[in-house]
């Protein structure tokens, strides 16, 4: 097949290549990589980040006239409106459901749909502007969470535990998001998990449940482990809850990544996405179960029925964990080197070491997931062992920073 791929998640692109398909890549300038030019694509088209969907559709139409596309595929939410415009302009099928995307993107609408289906959720309020937000905080009660209505990667998410935290929290959210609108939610106390599932037609298969570890102040993800260390009853409760949610939102023919808090009252949803998980969680699933979600999702995105490719029973042969290095400091510091990388890679239980910052880059003040500096994947005989190994290996990485004489 000749496939027009829009956006990133290059692991799925690699699977399409391995399956023998010809690809043309459309990518926003801010997400393009140098190696795309020598990657597995027949053509690469880079457009401005702010280009309207109609502009993308016009460019696609030119290429489609020369050599028709058989499918339009995408694996990142930010590209879904473009996918719809291109698919409709060309009359070429796509599995991307943009209406579903909008139902799950808007966190206030998501809560309203849950309430409409009588699915346990949490107290919440949508507010726009400083005065309304302050009123919503008072109405919801403390502690609470304030988050932009439609961001990702923990951008702008803030916890308010007491009245003296309010101003700092609103600064973290940012004036832009306050004016666009935020959701104020009751703080859910418990352990955080994500559920990785694949919907084929209206049937939902739970592939794995991930235990998530986040910074208590910034909510930046620090690590994950698969399988989540849950009792059989807890696993059944989380799985049944998420399937109920997927039914309520009408998930079909797509992956899902649903974040939940297991509270004393049972599972409660945090947020959800009609895409695969990021943060290397799919790599952990593959290392633990042997199920390659990237391959399944790539096949599904071009119309293949992948239900029969999932094993009847998904078994965790081992545990796998990821842990992130996230040194935080003033941006006047510059990364000089990362030491210990080869030493960590040589450890028998380590499966991957990924550096997220290159020498010469400024030191980040860690506020969201994009500010982290490195990641280690490790395996073990139990979730606890895999997690311990990943954390210890990450601690062996040494990020060396310096500053110029003019800044001293």
Protein backbone atom coordinates (compact mmCIF):
# COMPACT_ATOMS: atom_id res chain seq x y z
CA UNK A 1 0.00 0.00 0.00
CA UNK A 2 0.98 3.63 -0.48
CA UNK A 3 0.37 5.36 2.87
CA UNK A 4 0.37 9.05 3.70
CA UNK A 5 1.68 9.25 7.27
CA UNK A 6 1.01 12.51 9.08
CA UNK A 7 2.99 13.41 12.19
CA UNK A 8 5.37 11.38 14.30
CA UNK A 9 5.54 8.21 16.42
CA UNK A 10 8.21 6.86 14.13
CA UNK A 11 8.09 3.43 15.76
CA UNK A 12 4.80 2.86 13.95
CA UNK A 13 6.37 4.21 10.76
CA UNK A 14 9.16 1.64 11.10
CA UNK A 15 6.59 -1.13 11.42
CA UNK A 16 4.83 -0.01 8.23
CA UNK A 17 8.18 -0.10 6.44
CA UNK A 18 8.88 -3.58 7.78
CA UNK A 19 5.45 -4.67 6.51
CA UNK A 20 6.49 -3.56 3.01
CA UNK A 21 4.39 -0.41 2.61
CA UNK A 22 5.49 2.75 0.80
CA UNK A 23 5.23 5.88 2.95
CA UNK A 24 5.11 9.60 2.38
CA UNK A 25 5.68 11.65 5.53
CA UNK A 26 3.95 14.96 6.29
CA UNK A 27 5.42 16.51 9.44
CA UNK A 28 5.22 19.92 11.15
CA UNK A 29 8.54 21.79 11.15
CA UNK A 30 8.87 21.68 14.96
CA UNK A 31 8.67 17.88 14.99
CA UNK A 32 10.85 17.13 11.96
CA UNK A 33 14.22 15.43 12.40
CA UNK A 34 17.31 15.54 10.25
CA UNK A 35 17.24 11.78 9.85
CA UNK A 36 13.76 11.95 8.27
CA UNK A 37 15.48 12.92 5.02
CA UNK A 38 17.24 9.55 4.90
CA UNK A 39 14.46 7.64 6.63
CA UNK A 40 12.02 5.05 5.27
CA UNK A 41 9.96 7.57 3.26
CA UNK A 42 9.48 8.04 -0.48
CA UNK A 43 8.93 11.76 0.14
CA UNK A 44 9.09 14.06 3.17
CA UNK A 45 7.00 17.23 3.28
CA UNK A 46 7.66 19.73 6.07
CA UNK A 47 5.14 22.50 6.67
CA UNK A 48 5.02 25.33 9.17
CA UNK A 49 3.73 24.41 12.62
CA UNK A 50 0.86 26.87 12.25
CA UNK A 51 -0.23 25.71 8.78
CA UNK A 52 -4.00 25.23 8.58
CA UNK A 53 -5.41 21.76 7.78
CA UNK A 54 -6.52 22.98 4.34
CA UNK A 55 -2.90 23.77 3.45
CA UNK A 56 -1.86 20.23 4.34
CA UNK A 57 -4.78 18.89 2.31
CA UNK A 58 -3.77 20.92 -0.74
CA UNK A 59 -0.22 19.59 -0.59
CA UNK A 60 -1.51 16.03 -0.20
CA UNK A 61 -3.79 16.48 -3.20
CA UNK A 62 -0.83 17.36 -5.43
CA UNK A 63 1.02 14.16 -4.51
CA UNK A 64 -2.17 12.09 -4.66
CA UNK A 65 -2.76 13.11 -8.28
CA UNK A 66 0.71 11.88 -9.26
CA UNK A 67 0.57 8.61 -7.29
CA UNK A 68 -2.65 7.87 -5.34
CA UNK A 69 -2.57 7.08 -1.64
CA UNK A 70 -4.40 4.03 -0.31
CA UNK A 71 -4.65 5.19 3.31
CA UNK A 72 -3.99 8.16 5.57
CA UNK A 73 -2.46 7.24 8.93
CA UNK A 74 -1.49 9.15 12.07
CA UNK A 75 -0.48 8.26 15.59
CA UNK A 76 -0.36 11.63 17.41
CA UNK A 77 -3.39 13.58 18.54
CA UNK A 78 -2.11 16.97 17.42
CA UNK A 79 -2.33 15.80 13.79
CA UNK A 80 -5.86 14.37 13.89
CA UNK A 81 -7.66 17.48 12.53
CA UNK A 82 -5.18 17.52 9.64
CA UNK A 83 -5.89 13.84 8.98
CA UNK A 84 -9.61 14.53 8.68
CA UNK A 85 -9.03 17.40 6.23
CA UNK A 86 -6.70 15.30 4.08
CA UNK A 87 -8.87 12.18 4.15
CA UNK A 88 -11.98 14.11 3.15
CA UNK A 89 -10.18 16.09 0.42
CA UNK A 90 -8.65 12.98 -1.15
CA UNK A 91 -11.50 10.57 -0.49
CA UNK A 92 -8.95 8.20 1.04
CA UNK A 93 -9.84 6.17 4.15
CA UNK A 94 -8.40 6.70 7.62
CA UNK A 95 -9.10 4.98 10.92
CA UNK A 96 -8.63 8.24 12.88
CA UNK A 97 -11.90 9.24 14.58
CA UNK A 98 -11.59 12.99 15.09
CA UNK A 99 -14.94 13.26 16.90
CA UNK A 100 -13.72 10.71 19.46
CA UNK A 101 -10.50 12.70 19.77
CA UNK A 102 -12.44 15.86 20.66
CA UNK A 103 -14.54 13.96 23.23
CA UNK A 104 -11.46 12.81 25.12
CA UNK A 105 -9.26 15.89 24.55
CA UNK A 106 -11.52 18.35 26.36
CA UNK A 107 -11.12 17.38 30.00
CA UNK A 108 -14.31 19.17 31.07
CA UNK A 109 -16.36 17.47 28.36
CA UNK A 110 -14.79 14.16 29.34
CA UNK A 111 -16.07 14.57 32.91
CA UNK A 112 -19.53 15.51 31.64
CA UNK A 113 -19.72 12.36 29.50
CA UNK A 114 -18.67 10.23 32.47
CA UNK A 115 -21.39 11.81 34.59
CA UNK A 116 -23.90 11.23 31.80
CA UNK A 117 -23.12 7.50 31.89
CA UNK A 118 -23.11 7.35 35.70
CA UNK A 119 -19.45 6.31 35.73
CA UNK A 120 -17.71 7.27 38.99
CA UNK A 121 -15.47 10.26 38.39
CA UNK A 122 -14.72 13.25 40.65
CA UNK A 123 -15.97 16.72 41.54
CA UNK A 124 -14.96 19.19 38.87
CA UNK A 125 -15.68 22.60 37.40
CA UNK A 126 -14.70 24.35 34.18
CA UNK A 127 -13.65 27.98 34.58
CA UNK A 128 -12.26 30.73 32.39
CA UNK A 129 -10.44 33.77 33.73
CA UNK A 130 -8.87 34.38 37.12
CA UNK A 131 -12.07 35.26 39.00
CA UNK A 132 -13.98 32.21 37.76
CA UNK A 133 -11.04 29.94 38.51
CA UNK A 134 -10.81 31.20 42.10
CA UNK A 135 -14.54 30.59 42.52
CA UNK A 136 -14.19 27.08 41.08
CA UNK A 137 -11.35 26.30 43.50
CA UNK A 138 -13.52 27.40 46.43
CA UNK A 139 -16.46 25.37 45.15
CA UNK A 140 -14.43 22.21 44.50
CA UNK A 141 -12.58 22.41 47.81
CA UNK A 142 -8.99 21.69 48.80
CA UNK A 143 -6.91 19.82 47.94
CA UNK A 144 -7.62 20.13 44.23
CA UNK A 145 -5.94 19.99 40.83
CA UNK A 146 -5.96 22.82 38.30
CA UNK A 147 -5.13 21.82 34.73
CA UNK A 148 -5.48 23.35 31.26
CA UNK A 149 -8.47 21.93 29.48
CA UNK A 150 -6.58 20.39 26.53
CA UNK A 151 -2.83 20.00 27.10
CA UNK A 152 -0.61 16.93 27.46
CA UNK A 153 2.65 15.84 29.15
CA UNK A 154 1.58 17.45 32.48
CA UNK A 155 1.95 20.93 30.99
CA UNK A 156 0.44 23.48 33.37
CA UNK A 157 -0.95 20.93 35.85
CA UNK A 158 -0.78 22.12 39.45
CA UNK A 159 -1.92 20.88 42.85
CA UNK A 160 -3.38 23.24 45.43
CA UNK A 161 -3.15 21.80 48.92
CA UNK A 162 -3.80 24.96 50.94
CA UNK A 163 -4.85 28.56 50.35
CA UNK A 164 -1.26 29.74 50.35
CA UNK A 165 -0.59 27.50 47.31
CA UNK A 166 -3.15 29.22 45.08
CA UNK A 167 -1.01 31.99 43.58
CA UNK A 168 1.94 29.74 42.81
CA UNK A 169 -0.41 27.20 41.22
CA UNK A 170 -2.04 29.79 38.98
CA UNK A 171 1.38 31.03 37.88
CA UNK A 172 2.28 27.47 36.93
CA UNK A 173 -0.93 27.07 34.94
CA UNK A 174 -0.13 30.35 33.16
CA UNK A 175 -2.23 33.33 32.11
CA UNK A 176 -2.73 31.95 28.60
CA UNK A 177 -4.38 28.78 29.87
CA UNK A 178 -6.38 30.63 32.52
CA UNK A 179 -7.95 32.78 29.82
CA UNK A 180 -8.57 29.82 27.48
CA UNK A 181 -10.11 27.76 30.26
CA UNK A 182 -9.05 25.25 32.91
CA UNK A 183 -10.57 22.35 34.76
CA UNK A 184 -10.54 22.37 38.55
CA UNK A 185 -10.82 18.82 39.88
CA UNK A 186 -10.97 17.27 43.29
CA UNK A 187 -7.58 15.77 44.20
CA UNK A 188 -7.72 11.99 43.85
CA UNK A 189 -5.61 10.29 46.50
CA UNK A 190 -4.23 6.85 45.70
CA UNK A 191 -1.86 5.05 43.35
CA UNK A 192 -1.69 5.99 39.68
CA UNK A 193 -1.93 3.52 36.81
CA UNK A 194 -2.46 3.55 33.09
CA UNK A 195 -4.33 0.96 31.08
CA UNK A 196 -3.07 0.11 27.60
CA UNK A 197 -5.83 -1.32 25.43
CA UNK A 198 -6.70 -2.04 21.82
CA UNK A 199 -10.23 -1.71 20.47
CA UNK A 200 -11.20 -3.74 17.41
CA UNK A 201 -14.68 -2.86 16.29
CA UNK A 202 -16.51 -2.37 19.57
CA UNK A 203 -14.45 -4.97 21.46
CA UNK A 204 -11.80 -3.80 23.92
CA UNK A 205 -8.76 -5.88 24.85
CA UNK A 206 -6.71 -4.89 27.89
CA UNK A 207 -3.11 -5.51 26.88
CA UNK A 208 -1.38 -4.29 30.06
CA UNK A 209 -1.78 -2.20 33.19
CA UNK A 210 1.14 0.09 34.03
CA UNK A 211 2.08 1.46 37.45
CA UNK A 212 3.06 5.11 37.09
CA UNK A 213 5.28 7.23 39.34
CA UNK A 214 5.04 11.02 39.18
CA UNK A 215 6.56 13.98 40.95
CA UNK A 216 4.07 15.05 43.66
CA UNK A 217 4.53 18.76 42.88
CA UNK A 218 4.95 19.03 39.11
CA UNK A 219 3.23 15.72 38.14
CA UNK A 220 6.11 15.06 35.76
CA UNK A 221 6.37 11.31 35.10
CA UNK A 222 9.45 9.81 36.74
CA UNK A 223 8.96 6.14 35.95
CA UNK A 224 6.72 3.20 34.97
CA UNK A 225 6.62 -0.54 35.50
CA UNK A 226 4.77 -3.32 33.64
CA UNK A 227 2.95 -5.28 34.87
CA UNK A 228 1.52 -3.12 37.62
CA UNK A 229 1.85 -4.82 41.01
CA UNK A 230 -1.88 -5.31 41.59
CA UNK A 231 -3.86 -8.06 43.26
CA UNK A 232 -6.17 -10.09 41.02
CA UNK A 233 -9.18 -8.23 42.41
CA UNK A 234 -7.57 -4.83 41.88
CA UNK A 235 -6.59 -5.70 38.32
CA UNK A 236 -10.12 -6.88 37.57
CA UNK A 237 -11.62 -3.70 39.04
CA UNK A 238 -9.32 -1.39 37.06
CA UNK A 239 -9.85 -3.34 33.82
CA UNK A 240 -13.64 -3.44 34.17
CA UNK A 241 -13.76 0.27 34.96
CA UNK A 242 -11.71 1.19 31.89
CA UNK A 243 -13.74 -1.03 29.57
CA UNK A 244 -16.86 0.71 30.83
CA UNK A 245 -15.24 4.07 30.06
CA UNK A 246 -14.18 2.96 26.56
CA UNK A 247 -17.75 1.85 25.85
CA UNK A 248 -19.16 5.16 27.06
CA UNK A 249 -16.91 7.19 24.77
CA UNK A 250 -17.38 4.93 21.76
CA UNK A 251 -13.80 3.77 21.25
CA UNK A 252 -13.42 1.60 18.15
CA UNK A 253 -10.62 0.37 15.89
CA UNK A 254 -7.87 2.22 17.74
CA UNK A 255 -5.53 1.97 20.72
CA UNK A 256 -6.21 3.72 24.00
CA UNK A 257 -4.14 4.96 26.91
CA UNK A 258 -6.26 5.60 30.00
CA UNK A 259 -4.79 7.02 33.20
CA UNK A 260 -6.59 6.15 36.42
CA UNK A 261 -6.11 6.63 40.14
CA UNK A 262 -6.91 3.63 42.31
CA UNK A 263 -8.50 5.32 45.31
CA UNK A 264 -10.10 3.98 48.46
CA UNK A 265 -13.43 4.29 46.60
CA UNK A 266 -12.21 2.35 43.60
CA UNK A 267 -10.73 3.38 40.21
CA UNK A 268 -11.24 6.97 39.06
CA UNK A 269 -10.18 8.30 35.67
CA UNK A 270 -7.56 11.04 35.38
CA UNK A 271 -7.52 11.38 31.59
CA UNK A 272 -7.57 9.28 28.43
CA UNK A 273 -6.30 9.26 24.84
CA UNK A 274 -7.16 7.53 21.57
CA UNK A 275 -3.52 6.71 20.86
CA UNK A 276 -0.80 4.51 22.29
CA UNK A 277 1.02 5.57 25.43
CA UNK A 278 4.22 7.55 25.21
CA UNK A 279 7.17 7.48 27.61
CA UNK A 280 8.37 4.11 26.26
CA UNK A 281 5.43 2.32 27.92
CA UNK A 282 4.84 0.35 24.71
CA UNK A 283 8.45 -0.85 24.90
CA UNK A 284 7.81 -2.04 28.45
CA UNK A 285 4.69 -3.88 27.29
CA UNK A 286 6.66 -5.62 24.53
CA UNK A 287 9.50 -6.56 26.90
CA UNK A 288 7.02 -7.94 29.43
CA UNK A 289 4.43 -9.65 27.23
CA UNK A 290 5.96 -9.99 23.77
CA UNK A 291 3.03 -8.04 22.31
CA UNK A 292 4.27 -5.38 19.87
CA UNK A 293 1.61 -2.68 20.09
CA UNK A 294 3.42 -0.51 17.56
CA UNK A 295 3.08 -3.28 14.98
CA UNK A 296 -0.59 -3.90 15.77
CA UNK A 297 -1.47 -0.21 15.70
CA UNK A 298 0.42 0.32 12.43
CA UNK A 299 -1.52 -2.52 10.84
CA UNK A 300 -4.81 -1.29 12.26
CA UNK A 301 -4.17 2.24 10.99
CA UNK A 302 -4.29 1.05 7.37
CA UNK A 303 -7.44 -1.00 7.83
CA UNK A 304 -6.16 -4.44 8.84
CA UNK A 305 -8.20 -6.52 11.28
CA UNK A 306 -5.71 -7.17 14.08
CA UNK A 307 -7.99 -8.93 16.55
CA UNK A 308 -6.68 -12.36 15.60
CA UNK A 309 -3.07 -11.19 16.03
CA UNK A 310 -3.52 -10.64 19.77
CA UNK A 311 -2.92 -13.78 21.85
CA UNK A 312 -6.01 -15.27 23.46
CA UNK A 313 -4.32 -14.80 26.84
CA UNK A 314 -1.70 -12.12 27.38
CA UNK A 315 0.99 -13.42 29.74
CA UNK A 316 3.69 -11.37 31.47
CA UNK A 317 6.83 -13.48 31.08
CA UNK A 318 8.85 -10.89 33.01
CA UNK A 319 8.63 -7.35 34.33
CA UNK A 320 10.00 -4.23 32.68
CA UNK A 321 10.50 -0.72 34.04
CA UNK A 322 11.54 2.71 32.87
CA UNK A 323 13.04 5.44 35.04
CA UNK A 324 13.88 9.01 34.08
CA UNK A 325 16.76 11.27 34.96
CA UNK A 326 15.47 14.79 35.51
CA UNK A 327 18.18 17.11 36.88
CA UNK A 328 16.72 20.58 37.35
CA UNK A 329 18.56 23.87 37.53
CA UNK A 330 19.06 27.34 36.10
CA UNK A 331 19.08 27.60 32.27
CA UNK A 332 22.39 29.50 32.48
CA UNK A 333 24.03 26.11 33.00
CA UNK A 334 25.01 24.18 29.86
CA UNK A 335 25.25 20.41 29.55
CA UNK A 336 28.89 19.49 28.92
CA UNK A 337 28.71 15.70 28.98
CA UNK A 338 26.81 12.69 30.25
CA UNK A 339 29.07 10.20 31.97
CA UNK A 340 28.42 6.56 32.78
CA UNK A 341 26.33 5.83 29.67
CA UNK A 342 28.36 2.86 28.40
CA UNK A 343 28.71 1.51 31.93
CA UNK A 344 24.92 1.49 32.29
CA UNK A 345 24.36 0.00 28.83
CA UNK A 346 26.66 -2.87 29.73
CA UNK A 347 24.50 -3.97 32.67
CA UNK A 348 22.88 -7.33 31.80
CA UNK A 349 19.39 -6.28 32.89
CA UNK A 350 19.40 -2.94 31.04
CA UNK A 351 17.65 -2.97 27.67
CA UNK A 352 18.00 0.67 26.58
CA UNK A 353 19.58 3.96 27.60
CA UNK A 354 18.15 7.06 25.92
CA UNK A 355 19.59 10.54 26.31
CA UNK A 356 16.97 13.23 25.83
CA UNK A 357 19.41 16.17 25.91
CA UNK A 358 22.54 16.71 23.88
CA UNK A 359 25.76 18.39 25.07
CA UNK A 360 25.46 22.13 24.55
CA UNK A 361 21.82 22.31 25.58
CA UNK A 362 20.79 24.45 28.57
CA UNK A 363 19.87 22.81 31.84
CA UNK A 364 16.08 22.67 32.16
CA UNK A 365 14.00 23.72 35.11
CA UNK A 366 11.81 20.61 35.21
CA UNK A 367 8.17 21.65 34.87
CA UNK A 368 6.77 19.03 32.46
CA UNK A 369 7.71 15.78 30.76
CA UNK A 370 9.60 17.48 27.95
CA UNK A 371 12.16 18.77 30.49
CA UNK A 372 13.59 15.37 31.44
CA UNK A 373 17.14 14.47 30.44
CA UNK A 374 17.46 10.69 30.12
CA UNK A 375 15.78 7.31 30.47
CA UNK A 376 16.79 3.74 31.28
CA UNK A 377 14.75 0.60 30.54
CA UNK A 378 15.45 -2.49 32.63
CA UNK A 379 13.91 -5.92 33.15
CA UNK A 380 13.49 -8.16 36.18
CA UNK A 381 11.73 -11.19 37.58
CA UNK A 382 9.21 -9.00 39.41
CA UNK A 383 7.89 -5.45 39.12
CA UNK A 384 9.84 -4.48 42.23
CA UNK A 385 13.11 -5.89 40.88
CA UNK A 386 12.70 -4.29 37.43
CA UNK A 387 11.86 -0.92 38.99
CA UNK A 388 14.79 -1.08 41.42
CA UNK A 389 17.18 -1.94 38.60
CA UNK A 390 15.93 0.90 36.40
CA UNK A 391 16.22 3.44 39.21
CA UNK A 392 19.70 2.31 40.22
CA UNK A 393 20.93 2.35 36.63
CA UNK A 394 19.51 5.82 36.03
CA UNK A 395 21.29 7.01 39.17
CA UNK A 396 24.59 5.91 37.60
CA UNK A 397 24.21 8.51 34.82
CA UNK A 398 26.09 11.71 35.61
CA UNK A 399 25.00 14.90 33.89
CA UNK A 400 27.92 17.35 33.92
CA UNK A 401 27.00 21.04 33.62
CA UNK A 402 29.13 24.16 33.35
CA UNK A 403 28.75 27.88 32.86
CA UNK A 404 30.78 30.54 31.08
CA UNK A 405 33.09 32.96 32.91
CA UNK A 406 30.79 35.83 31.92
CA UNK A 407 27.94 34.22 33.87
CA UNK A 408 29.88 33.56 37.08
